[in-house]
Amino acid sequence: MHSLINLSSVSFSYTDSDVIKNISFSVKKGDFVGLIGPNGSGKSTLLRIILGILTPRKGVVSLFGKELKKFGEWEKIGYVPQKATNIEKNFPATVYEVVSMGLLSIQKFPKIITKREDSKIKEALTSVSMENFSQRRITELSSGQQQRVLIAKALVVSPEILILDEPTTGVDQENKESFYNLLGKLNNKGMTILLVSHDIGRITKYVNKVASINQKIEFYGTYKEFCLKDAAYKKEYKLYSDKG
């Protein structure tokens, strides 16, 4: 199975000292990778490098077999940023309009919603079980529902990879579990997912790989291997051993 994301000896610094040091790993088609690490370990910086927002000081990033500087098919990647649900309470957009922004962002002028685009929006909302909320204002929804809408916005362009940066920040416990169930279903349908999370105990029954970083890669492999390496997680492994 070929790699959709590949990092080779990547380092990055905002000032004189490296935030990320010599990181190498790859994400293959169908993977569900949980990216973990302490605050300030470089997780969000790493995502911004993969997304082409930041340029590494050294090393090579490739997406779908192309070096980042030659890659232009950004519709293949859906992204939900950190604290995406911090929406102004007076924001007037409906759920339908928010999801449509995902399509409009990749369109050339004139930016319009045709019948084909309308079908894609409805399909994306159905995939996250939010089709009955399309005409509600997004500010009227719970944080968990808002997060589902933002997933639909990312999915509406039919990406092959979904990248999420701590998407459950501010989401209550019940909605967290529902949200991770949704990601698990998307992965089972073939979606490749890279998820930054502090909820290692919750995501373990869904991910098939764990990447632990603290400026550099401390571990990358299956969750089973992670548990065997770190005795502190053996109990969780016994509970969530259904995915290798």
C-alpha atoms as a PDB file:
ATOM      1  CA  MET A   1       0.000   0.000   0.000  1.00  0.00           C
ATOM      2  CA  HIS A   2       1.509   3.333  -1.064  1.00  0.00           C
ATOM      3  CA  SER A   3       2.089   6.287   1.257  1.00  0.00           C
ATOM      4  CA  LEU A   4      -0.254   9.254   0.974  1.00  0.00           C
ATOM      5  CA  ILE A   5       1.847  11.330   3.396  1.00  0.00           C
ATOM      6  CA  ASN A   6       5.596  10.920   3.735  1.00  0.00           C
ATOM      7  CA  LEU A   7       8.021  12.959   5.843  1.00  0.00           C
ATOM      8  CA  SER A   8      11.749  12.408   5.558  1.00  0.00           C
ATOM      9  CA  SER A   9      14.177  14.018   8.077  1.00  0.00           C
ATOM     10  CA  VAL A  10      11.949  17.083   8.566  1.00  0.00           C
ATOM     11  CA  SER A  11      13.049  19.857  10.943  1.00  0.00           C
ATOM     12  CA  PHE A  12      11.444  23.230  11.598  1.00  0.00           C
ATOM     13  CA  SER A  13      12.241  26.260  13.767  1.00  0.00           C
ATOM     14  CA  TYR A  14      10.432  29.515  14.513  1.00  0.00           C
ATOM     15  CA  THR A  15      13.585  31.025  16.030  1.00  0.00           C
ATOM     16  CA  ASP A  16      17.061  29.587  16.596  1.00  0.00           C
ATOM     17  CA  SER A  17      15.973  26.319  18.199  1.00  0.00           C
ATOM     18  CA  ASP A  18      14.089  23.563  16.395  1.00  0.00           C
ATOM     19  CA  VAL A  19      10.452  22.939  17.294  1.00  0.00           C
ATOM     20  CA  ILE A  20      10.572  19.735  15.225  1.00  0.00           C
ATOM     21  CA  LYS A  21      13.751  17.713  14.842  1.00  0.00           C
ATOM     22  CA  ASN A  22      14.530  15.191  12.125  1.00  0.00           C
ATOM     23  CA  ILE A  23      11.028  13.676  11.898  1.00  0.00           C
ATOM     24  CA  SER A  24      10.396  10.820   9.481  1.00  0.00           C
ATOM     25  CA  PHE A  25       7.203   8.783   9.130  1.00  0.00           C
ATOM     26  CA  SER A  26       4.575   7.883   6.560  1.00  0.00           C
ATOM     27  CA  VAL A  27       0.809   7.486   6.471  1.00  0.00           C
ATOM     28  CA  LYS A  28      -0.560   4.841   4.121  1.00  0.00           C
ATOM     29  CA  LYS A  29      -3.929   4.660   2.418  1.00  0.00           C
ATOM     30  CA  GLY A  30      -6.562   3.477   4.912  1.00  0.00           C
ATOM     31  CA  ASP A  31      -4.511   4.300   8.011  1.00  0.00           C
ATOM     32  CA  PHE A  32      -6.064   5.932  11.064  1.00  0.00           C
ATOM     33  CA  VAL A  33      -3.107   7.540  12.838  1.00  0.00           C
ATOM     34  CA  GLY A  34      -3.378   9.045  16.317  1.00  0.00           C
ATOM     35  CA  LEU A  35      -0.744  11.769  16.746  1.00  0.00           C
ATOM     36  CA  ILE A  36      -0.019  12.305  20.437  1.00  0.00           C
ATOM     37  CA  GLY A  37       2.440  14.228  22.586  1.00  0.00           C
ATOM     38  CA  PRO A  38       2.601  16.823  25.399  1.00  0.00           C
ATOM     39  CA  ASN A  39       1.682  20.485  24.936  1.00  0.00           C
ATOM     40  CA  GLY A  40       4.388  22.265  22.955  1.00  0.00           C
ATOM     41  CA  SER A  41       5.698  19.045  21.432  1.00  0.00           C
ATOM     42  CA  GLY A  42       5.185  20.266  17.856  1.00  0.00           C
ATOM     43  CA  LYS A  43       2.010  18.388  16.876  1.00  0.00           C
ATOM     44  CA  SER A  44       0.137  21.378  15.391  1.00  0.00           C
ATOM     45  CA  THR A  45       3.339  22.646  13.757  1.00  0.00           C
ATOM     46  CA  LEU A  46       3.770  19.258  12.118  1.00  0.00           C
ATOM     47  CA  LEU A  47       0.239  19.419  10.671  1.00  0.00           C
ATOM     48  CA  ARG A  48       0.885  22.914   9.290  1.00  0.00           C
ATOM     49  CA  ILE A  49       4.017  21.617   7.579  1.00  0.00           C
ATOM     50  CA  ILE A  50       2.077  18.735   6.006  1.00  0.00           C
ATOM     51  CA  LEU A  51      -0.586  21.210   4.828  1.00  0.00           C
ATOM     52  CA  GLY A  52       2.025  23.498   3.253  1.00  0.00           C
ATOM     53  CA  ILE A  53       1.270  26.368   5.639  1.00  0.00           C
ATOM     54  CA  LEU A  54       4.812  26.220   7.048  1.00  0.00           C
ATOM     55  CA  THR A  55       8.028  25.373   5.177  1.00  0.00           C
ATOM     56  CA  PRO A  56      10.485  23.019   6.921  1.00  0.00           C
ATOM     57  CA  ARG A  57      14.028  24.199   7.558  1.00  0.00           C
ATOM     58  CA  LYS A  58      15.254  20.909   6.157  1.00  0.00           C
ATOM     59  CA  GLY A  59      13.848  17.593   4.999  1.00  0.00           C
ATOM     60  CA  VAL A  60      11.255  16.558   2.427  1.00  0.00           C
ATOM     61  CA  VAL A  61       7.459  16.316   2.669  1.00  0.00           C
ATOM     62  CA  SER A  62       5.575  14.373  -0.009  1.00  0.00           C
ATOM     63  CA  LEU A  63       1.827  14.053  -0.564  1.00  0.00           C
ATOM     64  CA  PHE A  64       0.449  11.365  -2.872  1.00  0.00           C
ATOM     65  CA  GLY A  65       3.978  10.698  -4.112  1.00  0.00           C
ATOM     66  CA  LYS A  66       4.719  14.347  -5.004  1.00  0.00           C
ATOM     67  CA  GLU A  67       7.051  16.698  -3.168  1.00  0.00           C
ATOM     68  CA  LEU A  68       5.045  19.373  -1.381  1.00  0.00           C
ATOM     69  CA  LYS A  69       6.303  22.204  -3.599  1.00  0.00           C
ATOM     70  CA  LYS A  70       4.930  20.345  -6.653  1.00  0.00           C
ATOM     71  CA  PHE A  71       1.647  19.280  -5.055  1.00  0.00           C
ATOM     72  CA  GLY A  72      -1.499  21.200  -5.968  1.00  0.00           C
ATOM     73  CA  GLU A  73      -4.418  18.813  -5.496  1.00  0.00           C
ATOM     74  CA  TRP A  74      -5.510  20.208  -2.152  1.00  0.00           C
ATOM     75  CA  GLU A  75      -9.087  19.026  -2.651  1.00  0.00           C
ATOM     76  CA  LYS A  76      -7.718  15.569  -1.794  1.00  0.00           C
ATOM     77  CA  ILE A  77      -7.137  16.729   1.777  1.00  0.00           C
ATOM     78  CA  GLY A  78      -9.827  17.748   4.259  1.00  0.00           C
ATOM     79  CA  TYR A  79      -8.705  19.736   7.311  1.00  0.00           C
ATOM     80  CA  VAL A  80     -10.429  20.594  10.583  1.00  0.00           C
ATOM     81  CA  PRO A  81      -8.235  23.031  12.568  1.00  0.00           C
ATOM     82  CA  GLN A  82      -7.851  23.345  16.318  1.00  0.00           C
ATOM     83  CA  LYS A  83     -10.690  25.191  18.109  1.00  0.00           C
ATOM     84  CA  ALA A  84     -12.710  25.260  14.898  1.00  0.00           C
ATOM     85  CA  THR A  85     -15.945  25.391  16.899  1.00  0.00           C
ATOM     86  CA  ASN A  86     -15.123  28.793  18.435  1.00  0.00           C
ATOM     87  CA  ILE A  87     -17.820  30.452  16.310  1.00  0.00           C
ATOM     88  CA  GLU A  88     -19.059  33.987  16.958  1.00  0.00           C
ATOM     89  CA  LYS A  89     -22.531  33.780  18.515  1.00  0.00           C
ATOM     90  CA  ASN A  90     -23.950  36.207  15.925  1.00  0.00           C
ATOM     91  CA  PHE A  91     -22.475  34.358  12.926  1.00  0.00           C
ATOM     92  CA  PRO A  92     -25.500  34.263  10.554  1.00  0.00           C
ATOM     93  CA  ALA A  93     -24.680  31.219   8.359  1.00  0.00           C
ATOM     94  CA  THR A  94     -26.859  28.124   8.226  1.00  0.00           C
ATOM     95  CA  VAL A  95     -25.456  24.601   8.421  1.00  0.00           C
ATOM     96  CA  TYR A  96     -25.991  24.238   4.651  1.00  0.00           C
ATOM     97  CA  GLU A  97     -24.101  27.479   3.963  1.00  0.00           C
ATOM     98  CA  VAL A  98     -21.157  26.481   6.168  1.00  0.00           C
ATOM     99  CA  VAL A  99     -20.754  23.163   4.346  1.00  0.00           C
ATOM    100  CA  SER A 100     -21.093  24.891   0.963  1.00  0.00           C
ATOM    101  CA  MET A 101     -18.036  27.005   1.848  1.00  0.00           C
ATOM    102  CA  GLY A 102     -15.940  23.868   1.494  1.00  0.00           C
ATOM    103  CA  LEU A 103     -16.937  23.620  -2.175  1.00  0.00           C
ATOM    104  CA  LEU A 104     -16.813  27.344  -2.907  1.00  0.00           C
ATOM    105  CA  SER A 105     -13.258  27.540  -1.541  1.00  0.00           C
ATOM    106  CA  ILE A 106     -11.928  25.367  -4.392  1.00  0.00           C
ATOM    107  CA  GLN A 107     -14.082  26.829  -7.180  1.00  0.00           C
ATOM    108  CA  LYS A 108     -12.967  29.358  -9.744  1.00  0.00           C
ATOM    109  CA  PHE A 109     -15.082  32.430 -10.486  1.00  0.00           C
ATOM    110  CA  PRO A 110     -18.081  32.473 -10.723  1.00  0.00           C
ATOM    111  CA  LYS A 111     -18.553  30.608  -7.461  1.00  0.00           C
ATOM    112  CA  ILE A 112     -22.034  29.074  -7.567  1.00  0.00           C
ATOM    113  CA  ILE A 113     -23.842  26.072  -6.123  1.00  0.00           C
ATOM    114  CA  THR A 114     -25.227  23.917  -8.948  1.00  0.00           C
ATOM    115  CA  LYS A 115     -27.513  20.895  -8.570  1.00  0.00           C
ATOM    116  CA  ARG A 116     -24.409  18.710  -8.509  1.00  0.00           C
ATOM    117  CA  GLU A 117     -22.866  20.740  -5.680  1.00  0.00           C
ATOM    118  CA  ASP A 118     -26.199  20.746  -3.847  1.00  0.00           C
ATOM    119  CA  SER A 119     -26.218  16.932  -3.954  1.00  0.00           C
ATOM    120  CA  LYS A 120     -22.653  16.832  -2.587  1.00  0.00           C
ATOM    121  CA  ILE A 121     -23.591  19.112   0.325  1.00  0.00           C
ATOM    122  CA  LYS A 122     -26.599  16.983   1.215  1.00  0.00           C
ATOM    123  CA  GLU A 123     -24.513  13.803   0.936  1.00  0.00           C
ATOM    124  CA  ALA A 124     -21.818  15.259   3.233  1.00  0.00           C
ATOM    125  CA  LEU A 125     -24.432  16.254   5.831  1.00  0.00           C
ATOM    126  CA  THR A 126     -26.020  12.801   5.648  1.00  0.00           C
ATOM    127  CA  SER A 127     -22.621  11.163   6.204  1.00  0.00           C
ATOM    128  CA  VAL A 128     -22.346  12.931   9.588  1.00  0.00           C
ATOM    129  CA  SER A 129     -26.063  12.519  10.459  1.00  0.00           C
ATOM    130  CA  MET A 130     -26.779  16.250  10.222  1.00  0.00           C
ATOM    131  CA  GLU A 131     -29.065  16.281   7.177  1.00  0.00           C
ATOM    132  CA  ASN A 132     -32.077  17.353   9.268  1.00  0.00           C
ATOM    133  CA  PHE A 133     -30.259  20.469  10.511  1.00  0.00           C
ATOM    134  CA  SER A 134     -29.337  21.990   7.129  1.00  0.00           C
ATOM    135  CA  GLN A 135     -31.422  25.164   7.578  1.00  0.00           C
ATOM    136  CA  ARG A 136     -30.533  25.728  11.231  1.00  0.00           C
ATOM    137  CA  ARG A 137     -28.027  28.420  12.095  1.00  0.00           C
ATOM    138  CA  ILE A 138     -24.766  26.809  13.114  1.00  0.00           C
ATOM    139  CA  THR A 139     -24.701  28.934  16.279  1.00  0.00           C
ATOM    140  CA  GLU A 140     -27.903  27.209  17.454  1.00  0.00           C
ATOM    141  CA  LEU A 141     -26.173  23.819  17.573  1.00  0.00           C
ATOM    142  CA  SER A 142     -24.265  22.116  20.390  1.00  0.00           C
ATOM    143  CA  SER A 143     -20.471  21.987  20.157  1.00  0.00           C
ATOM    144  CA  GLY A 144     -20.665  18.324  19.155  1.00  0.00           C
ATOM    145  CA  GLN A 145     -23.127  19.104  16.361  1.00  0.00           C
ATOM    146  CA  GLN A 146     -20.999  22.024  15.185  1.00  0.00           C
ATOM    147  CA  GLN A 147     -18.019  19.698  14.982  1.00  0.00           C
ATOM    148  CA  ARG A 148     -19.997  17.306  12.780  1.00  0.00           C
ATOM    149  CA  VAL A 149     -20.893  20.176  10.468  1.00  0.00           C
ATOM    150  CA  LEU A 150     -17.228  21.150  10.177  1.00  0.00           C
ATOM    151  CA  ILE A 151     -16.393  17.537   9.337  1.00  0.00           C
ATOM    152  CA  ALA A 152     -19.060  17.695   6.610  1.00  0.00           C
ATOM    153  CA  LYS A 153     -17.446  20.896   5.305  1.00  0.00           C
ATOM    154  CA  ALA A 154     -14.130  19.027   5.063  1.00  0.00           C
ATOM    155  CA  LEU A 155     -15.772  15.968   3.467  1.00  0.00           C
ATOM    156  CA  VAL A 156     -17.838  17.815   0.855  1.00  0.00           C
ATOM    157  CA  VAL A 157     -14.901  17.940  -1.598  1.00  0.00           C
ATOM    158  CA  SER A 158     -14.536  14.126  -1.322  1.00  0.00           C
ATOM    159  CA  PRO A 159     -11.012  14.165   0.125  1.00  0.00           C
ATOM    160  CA  GLU A 160      -8.860  11.061   0.408  1.00  0.00           C
ATOM    161  CA  ILE A 161      -7.245  12.234   3.655  1.00  0.00           C
ATOM    162  CA  LEU A 162      -8.909  13.859   6.671  1.00  0.00           C
ATOM    163  CA  ILE A 163      -6.596  15.784   9.034  1.00  0.00           C
ATOM    164  CA  LEU A 164      -7.910  16.947  12.403  1.00  0.00           C
ATOM    165  CA  ASP A 165      -6.105  19.021  15.039  1.00  0.00           C
ATOM    166  CA  GLU A 166      -7.547  18.297  18.507  1.00  0.00           C
ATOM    167  CA  PRO A 167     -11.112  18.457  17.162  1.00  0.00           C
ATOM    168  CA  THR A 168     -12.854  17.626  20.465  1.00  0.00           C
ATOM    169  CA  THR A 169     -11.523  20.604  22.439  1.00  0.00           C
ATOM    170  CA  GLY A 170     -14.544  22.050  24.256  1.00  0.00           C
ATOM    171  CA  VAL A 171     -16.781  19.099  23.333  1.00  0.00           C
ATOM    172  CA  ASP A 172     -18.496  17.268  26.214  1.00  0.00           C
ATOM    173  CA  GLN A 173     -17.707  13.608  27.003  1.00  0.00           C
ATOM    174  CA  GLU A 174     -20.856  12.129  25.446  1.00  0.00           C
ATOM    175  CA  ASN A 175     -20.344  14.007  22.189  1.00  0.00           C
ATOM    176  CA  LYS A 176     -16.668  13.055  22.147  1.00  0.00           C
ATOM    177  CA  GLU A 177     -17.554   9.372  22.035  1.00  0.00           C
ATOM    178  CA  SER A 178     -20.115   9.987  19.296  1.00  0.00           C
ATOM    179  CA  PHE A 179     -17.560  12.006  17.351  1.00  0.00           C
ATOM    180  CA  TYR A 180     -14.891   9.292  17.534  1.00  0.00           C
ATOM    181  CA  ASN A 181     -17.490   6.733  16.461  1.00  0.00           C
ATOM    182  CA  LEU A 182     -18.113   8.877  13.385  1.00  0.00           C
ATOM    183  CA  LEU A 183     -14.394   8.980  12.564  1.00  0.00           C
ATOM    184  CA  GLY A 184     -14.207   5.210  13.019  1.00  0.00           C
ATOM    185  CA  LYS A 185     -17.051   4.719  10.522  1.00  0.00           C
ATOM    186  CA  LEU A 186     -15.390   7.044   8.006  1.00  0.00           C
ATOM    187  CA  ASN A 187     -12.126   5.119   8.346  1.00  0.00           C
ATOM    188  CA  ASN A 188     -13.928   1.797   7.902  1.00  0.00           C
ATOM    189  CA  LYS A 189     -15.277   3.150   4.609  1.00  0.00           C
ATOM    190  CA  GLY A 190     -11.720   3.822   3.424  1.00  0.00           C
ATOM    191  CA  MET A 191     -10.997   7.354   4.634  1.00  0.00           C
ATOM    192  CA  THR A 192      -7.371   7.904   5.674  1.00  0.00           C
ATOM    193  CA  ILE A 193      -7.270   9.911   8.922  1.00  0.00           C
ATOM    194  CA  LEU A 194      -4.523  11.756  10.792  1.00  0.00           C
ATOM    195  CA  LEU A 195      -5.827  12.898  14.187  1.00  0.00           C
ATOM    196  CA  VAL A 196      -4.035  15.021  16.788  1.00  0.00           C
ATOM    197  CA  SER A 197      -5.499  14.177  20.196  1.00  0.00           C
ATOM    198  CA  HIS A 198      -4.826  14.075  23.916  1.00  0.00           C
ATOM    199  CA  ASP A 199      -7.551  11.430  24.309  1.00  0.00           C
ATOM    200  CA  ILE A 200      -5.286   8.417  23.813  1.00  0.00           C
ATOM    201  CA  GLY A 201      -7.537   6.266  26.001  1.00  0.00           C
ATOM    202  CA  ARG A 202     -10.586   7.086  23.877  1.00  0.00           C
ATOM    203  CA  ILE A 203      -9.110   6.884  20.394  1.00  0.00           C
ATOM    204  CA  THR A 204      -7.339   3.560  20.849  1.00  0.00           C
ATOM    205  CA  LYS A 205     -10.267   1.450  19.706  1.00  0.00           C
ATOM    206  CA  TYR A 206     -10.302   3.325  16.401  1.00  0.00           C
ATOM    207  CA  VAL A 207      -6.683   4.066  15.431  1.00  0.00           C
ATOM    208  CA  ASN A 208      -4.448   1.445  13.861  1.00  0.00           C
ATOM    209  CA  LYS A 209      -1.247   3.440  14.410  1.00  0.00           C
ATOM    210  CA  VAL A 210       0.142   5.781  17.051  1.00  0.00           C
ATOM    211  CA  ALA A 211       2.729   8.506  16.426  1.00  0.00           C
ATOM    212  CA  SER A 212       4.151   9.906  19.665  1.00  0.00           C
ATOM    213  CA  ILE A 213       6.224  13.061  19.239  1.00  0.00           C
ATOM    214  CA  ASN A 214       8.060  15.445  21.492  1.00  0.00           C
ATOM    215  CA  GLN A 215       9.978  17.589  18.994  1.00  0.00           C
ATOM    216  CA  LYS A 216      11.228  14.304  17.516  1.00  0.00           C
ATOM    217  CA  ILE A 217       9.505  10.979  16.917  1.00  0.00           C
ATOM    218  CA  GLU A 218       9.526   8.968  20.139  1.00  0.00           C
ATOM    219  CA  PHE A 219       7.416   6.134  18.753  1.00  0.00           C
ATOM    220  CA  TYR A 220       5.623   5.225  15.533  1.00  0.00           C
ATOM    221  CA  GLY A 221       3.876   1.918  15.073  1.00  0.00           C
ATOM    222  CA  THR A 222       0.735  -0.050  15.877  1.00  0.00           C
ATOM    223  CA  TYR A 223      -1.166   0.589  19.079  1.00  0.00           C
ATOM    224  CA  LYS A 224      -0.315  -2.952  20.205  1.00  0.00           C
ATOM    225  CA  GLU A 225       3.384  -2.188  19.866  1.00  0.00           C
ATOM    226  CA  PHE A 226       2.874   1.107  21.695  1.00  0.00           C
ATOM    227  CA  CYS A 227       1.267  -0.672  24.634  1.00  0.00           C
ATOM    228  CA  LEU A 228       4.013  -3.275  24.813  1.00  0.00           C
ATOM    229  CA  LYS A 229       6.588  -0.482  24.776  1.00  0.00           C
ATOM    230  CA  ASP A 230       4.867   1.609  27.442  1.00  0.00           C
ATOM    231  CA  ALA A 231       3.572  -0.369  30.424  1.00  0.00           C
ATOM    232  CA  ALA A 232       1.347   2.532  31.457  1.00  0.00           C
ATOM    233  CA  TYR A 233      -0.958   1.764  28.535  1.00  0.00           C
ATOM    234  CA  LYS A 234      -1.118  -2.026  28.870  1.00  0.00           C
ATOM    235  CA  LYS A 235      -4.430  -1.886  30.701  1.00  0.00           C
ATOM    236  CA  GLU A 236      -5.974   0.203  27.914  1.00  0.00           C
ATOM    237  CA  TYR A 237      -4.612  -2.210  25.350  1.00  0.00           C
ATOM    238  CA  LYS A 238      -6.403  -5.114  27.042  1.00  0.00           C
ATOM    239  CA  LEU A 239      -9.625  -3.115  26.788  1.00  0.00           C
ATOM    240  CA  TYR A 240      -9.114  -1.943  23.219  1.00  0.00           C
ATOM    241  CA  SER A 241      -7.229  -4.760  21.516  1.00  0.00           C
ATOM    242  CA  ASP A 242      -9.670  -5.167  18.637  1.00  0.00           C
ATOM    243  CA  LYS A 243      -7.549  -3.070  16.250  1.00  0.00           C
ATOM    244  CA  GLY A 244      -3.947  -4.116  15.644  1.00  0.00           C
END
